[in-house]
Amino acid sequence: LFTMGNVGLPGTSGFVGEILTMTGAYGVSTWTAIFAATGVILSAVYALSLYRRVIFGELTNPALAEIGDLDWREVAIFAPLIASTLYLGIYPAAIFDLTQASVDNLVALYSAAIGA
C-alpha cells in the first residue's frame, strides 16, 4: 500500500500531492509540468521495480526465511498508518482545512513581496 501511495495511486495520500503538484506546474509552464511528470513516471517505475525485487525476488540470505508474518504489535503500528494514508487520499480536505489560513497568509505575503 505504501509503495502504491508513493507511486501516486488514486485513493492514497500520495496521489493528492502529485496531482496538485502537476496542476500547479502546468499552470506555470507546460515544460515544467512535462519535466515533473517525467520524474513521477521514473519514480513509479523505480518503486514498482524495487517492490517486485523485494517481494517476489529470490531469497539470497537463508536466515531471512525464518522471519514470519506480522504479529499483533506490528499490525497495531501499521494500522493507523494505513488508515491515515487511505483517509487522506479519499478525503484530503481534512488536512487542507487545517492549513488553509496559513497558506492564504503565505500567498498574500508572497503577492505583496513581488508587487502583484
C-alpha atoms as a PDB file:
ATOM      1  CA  LEU A   1       0.000   0.000   0.000  1.00  0.00           C
ATOM      2  CA  PHE A   2       2.766   2.439   0.867  1.00  0.00           C
ATOM      3  CA  THR A   3       4.548   1.736  -2.400  1.00  0.00           C
ATOM      4  CA  MET A   4       1.322   2.450  -4.257  1.00  0.00           C
ATOM      5  CA  GLY A   5       0.954   5.664  -2.254  1.00  0.00           C
ATOM      6  CA  ASN A   6       4.488   6.614  -3.251  1.00  0.00           C
ATOM      7  CA  VAL A   7       3.643   5.922  -6.886  1.00  0.00           C
ATOM      8  CA  GLY A   8       0.585   8.173  -6.591  1.00  0.00           C
ATOM      9  CA  LEU A   9      -2.209   5.650  -6.927  1.00  0.00           C
ATOM     10  CA  PRO A  10      -5.618   7.379  -6.709  1.00  0.00           C
ATOM     11  CA  GLY A  11      -7.157   6.871  -3.306  1.00  0.00           C
ATOM     12  CA  THR A  12      -3.861   7.235  -1.446  1.00  0.00           C
ATOM     13  CA  SER A  13      -2.385  10.359   0.092  1.00  0.00           C
ATOM     14  CA  GLY A  14       0.460  10.391  -2.454  1.00  0.00           C
ATOM     15  CA  PHE A  15      -1.980  10.925  -5.309  1.00  0.00           C
ATOM     16  CA  VAL A  16      -3.271  14.158  -3.815  1.00  0.00           C
ATOM     17  CA  GLY A  17       0.214  15.629  -3.576  1.00  0.00           C
ATOM     18  CA  GLU A  18       1.194  14.548  -7.052  1.00  0.00           C
ATOM     19  CA  ILE A  19      -1.957  15.818  -8.759  1.00  0.00           C
ATOM     20  CA  LEU A  20      -1.697  19.187  -7.007  1.00  0.00           C
ATOM     21  CA  THR A  21       1.975  19.457  -7.941  1.00  0.00           C
ATOM     22  CA  MET A  22       1.282  18.587 -11.580  1.00  0.00           C
ATOM     23  CA  THR A  23      -1.631  21.025 -11.762  1.00  0.00           C
ATOM     24  CA  GLY A  24       0.464  23.816 -10.259  1.00  0.00           C
ATOM     25  CA  ALA A  25       3.424  23.066 -12.513  1.00  0.00           C
ATOM     26  CA  TYR A  26       1.197  23.090 -15.581  1.00  0.00           C
ATOM     27  CA  GLY A  27      -0.171  26.486 -14.548  1.00  0.00           C
ATOM     28  CA  VAL A  28       3.358  27.903 -14.501  1.00  0.00           C
ATOM     29  CA  SER A  29       4.856  26.216 -17.547  1.00  0.00           C
ATOM     30  CA  THR A  30       3.967  23.292 -19.759  1.00  0.00           C
ATOM     31  CA  TRP A  31       7.624  22.281 -19.973  1.00  0.00           C
ATOM     32  CA  THR A  32       7.926  22.300 -16.202  1.00  0.00           C
ATOM     33  CA  ALA A  33       4.888  20.030 -15.998  1.00  0.00           C
ATOM     34  CA  ILE A  34       6.349  17.674 -18.607  1.00  0.00           C
ATOM     35  CA  PHE A  35       9.646  17.549 -16.708  1.00  0.00           C
ATOM     36  CA  ALA A  36       7.816  16.905 -13.416  1.00  0.00           C
ATOM     37  CA  ALA A  37       5.623  14.213 -14.995  1.00  0.00           C
ATOM     38  CA  THR A  38       8.737  12.501 -16.329  1.00  0.00           C
ATOM     39  CA  GLY A  39      10.118  12.451 -12.794  1.00  0.00           C
ATOM     40  CA  VAL A  40       6.873  10.987 -11.468  1.00  0.00           C
ATOM     41  CA  ILE A  41       6.908   8.262 -14.120  1.00  0.00           C
ATOM     42  CA  LEU A  42      10.557   7.375 -13.463  1.00  0.00           C
ATOM     43  CA  SER A  43       9.864   7.318  -9.720  1.00  0.00           C
ATOM     44  CA  ALA A  44       6.912   4.971 -10.251  1.00  0.00           C
ATOM     45  CA  VAL A  45       8.980   2.639 -12.428  1.00  0.00           C
ATOM     46  CA  TYR A  46      11.719   2.537  -9.800  1.00  0.00           C
ATOM     47  CA  ALA A  47       9.299   1.984  -6.890  1.00  0.00           C
ATOM     48  CA  LEU A  48       7.466  -0.829  -8.655  1.00  0.00           C
ATOM     49  CA  SER A  49      10.742  -2.440  -9.724  1.00  0.00           C
ATOM     50  CA  LEU A  50      12.012  -2.272  -6.154  1.00  0.00           C
ATOM     51  CA  TYR A  51       8.740  -3.748  -4.870  1.00  0.00           C
ATOM     52  CA  ARG A  52       8.976  -6.617  -7.357  1.00  0.00           C
ATOM     53  CA  ARG A  53      12.557  -7.416  -6.346  1.00  0.00           C
ATOM     54  CA  VAL A  54      11.872  -7.228  -2.608  1.00  0.00           C
ATOM     55  CA  ILE A  55       8.568  -9.105  -2.524  1.00  0.00           C
ATOM     56  CA  PHE A  56       8.929 -11.568  -5.397  1.00  0.00           C
ATOM     57  CA  GLY A  57      12.704 -11.737  -5.747  1.00  0.00           C
ATOM     58  CA  GLU A  58      14.943 -14.654  -4.913  1.00  0.00           C
ATOM     59  CA  LEU A  59      15.880 -15.060  -1.255  1.00  0.00           C
ATOM     60  CA  THR A  60      19.665 -14.687  -1.011  1.00  0.00           C
ATOM     61  CA  ASN A  61      20.083 -14.905   2.769  1.00  0.00           C
ATOM     62  CA  PRO A  62      18.746 -18.173   4.232  1.00  0.00           C
ATOM     63  CA  ALA A  63      18.419 -16.601   7.699  1.00  0.00           C
ATOM     64  CA  LEU A  64      15.647 -14.376   6.351  1.00  0.00           C
ATOM     65  CA  ALA A  65      13.482 -17.427   5.615  1.00  0.00           C
ATOM     66  CA  GLU A  66      12.793 -17.738   9.343  1.00  0.00           C
ATOM     67  CA  ILE A  67      11.043 -14.357   9.529  1.00  0.00           C
ATOM     68  CA  GLY A  68       7.301 -14.836   9.884  1.00  0.00           C
ATOM     69  CA  ASP A  69       4.291 -12.678   9.159  1.00  0.00           C
ATOM     70  CA  LEU A  70       3.407  -9.593  11.150  1.00  0.00           C
ATOM     71  CA  ASP A  71       2.482 -10.124  14.776  1.00  0.00           C
ATOM     72  CA  TRP A  72      -0.221  -8.159  16.599  1.00  0.00           C
ATOM     73  CA  ARG A  73       2.177  -5.369  17.706  1.00  0.00           C
ATOM     74  CA  GLU A  74       3.352  -4.736  14.174  1.00  0.00           C
ATOM     75  CA  VAL A  75      -0.234  -4.740  12.923  1.00  0.00           C
ATOM     76  CA  ALA A  76      -1.114  -2.256  15.685  1.00  0.00           C
ATOM     77  CA  ILE A  77       1.689   0.019  14.492  1.00  0.00           C
ATOM     78  CA  PHE A  78       0.826  -0.230  10.795  1.00  0.00           C
ATOM     79  CA  ALA A  79      -2.964   0.029  11.114  1.00  0.00           C
ATOM     80  CA  PRO A  80      -3.066   3.784  11.895  1.00  0.00           C
ATOM     81  CA  LEU A  81      -0.527   4.476   9.153  1.00  0.00           C
ATOM     82  CA  ILE A  82      -2.580   2.550   6.614  1.00  0.00           C
ATOM     83  CA  ALA A  83      -5.796   4.187   7.774  1.00  0.00           C
ATOM     84  CA  SER A  84      -4.336   7.694   7.550  1.00  0.00           C
ATOM     85  CA  THR A  85      -2.860   7.017   4.103  1.00  0.00           C
ATOM     86  CA  LEU A  86      -6.251   5.930   2.794  1.00  0.00           C
ATOM     87  CA  TYR A  87      -8.221   8.583   4.710  1.00  0.00           C
ATOM     88  CA  LEU A  88      -6.103  11.461   3.409  1.00  0.00           C
ATOM     89  CA  GLY A  89      -6.262  10.001  -0.090  1.00  0.00           C
ATOM     90  CA  ILE A  90     -10.049   9.827  -0.029  1.00  0.00           C
ATOM     91  CA  TYR A  91     -10.725  12.989   1.994  1.00  0.00           C
ATOM     92  CA  PRO A  92      -7.734  15.370   1.667  1.00  0.00           C
ATOM     93  CA  ALA A  93      -9.851  18.315   2.838  1.00  0.00           C
ATOM     94  CA  ALA A  94      -9.228  17.086   6.381  1.00  0.00           C
ATOM     95  CA  ILE A  95      -5.660  18.386   6.195  1.00  0.00           C
ATOM     96  CA  PHE A  96      -6.354  21.247   3.786  1.00  0.00           C
ATOM     97  CA  ASP A  97      -8.890  22.779   6.173  1.00  0.00           C
ATOM     98  CA  LEU A  98      -6.206  22.890   8.870  1.00  0.00           C
ATOM     99  CA  THR A  99      -3.631  24.579   6.638  1.00  0.00           C
ATOM    100  CA  GLN A 100      -5.868  26.929   4.620  1.00  0.00           C
ATOM    101  CA  ALA A 101      -5.339  30.033   6.801  1.00  0.00           C
ATOM    102  CA  SER A 102      -1.546  29.614   6.781  1.00  0.00           C
ATOM    103  CA  VAL A 103      -1.462  29.076   3.023  1.00  0.00           C
ATOM    104  CA  ASP A 104      -3.664  32.126   2.401  1.00  0.00           C
ATOM    105  CA  ASN A 105      -1.346  34.223   4.578  1.00  0.00           C
ATOM    106  CA  LEU A 106       1.727  32.911   2.762  1.00  0.00           C
ATOM    107  CA  VAL A 107       0.198  33.669  -0.649  1.00  0.00           C
ATOM    108  CA  ALA A 108      -0.719  37.192   0.485  1.00  0.00           C
ATOM    109  CA  LEU A 109       2.822  37.836   1.734  1.00  0.00           C
ATOM    110  CA  TYR A 110       4.321  36.459  -1.468  1.00  0.00           C
ATOM    111  CA  SER A 111       1.992  38.529  -3.641  1.00  0.00           C
ATOM    112  CA  ALA A 112       2.865  41.658  -1.667  1.00  0.00           C
ATOM    113  CA  ALA A 113       6.590  40.912  -1.970  1.00  0.00           C
ATOM    114  CA  ILE A 114       6.503  40.584  -5.759  1.00  0.00           C
ATOM    115  CA  GLY A 115       4.131  43.515  -6.138  1.00  0.00           C
ATOM    116  CA  ALA A 116       1.273  41.598  -7.710  1.00  0.00           C
END
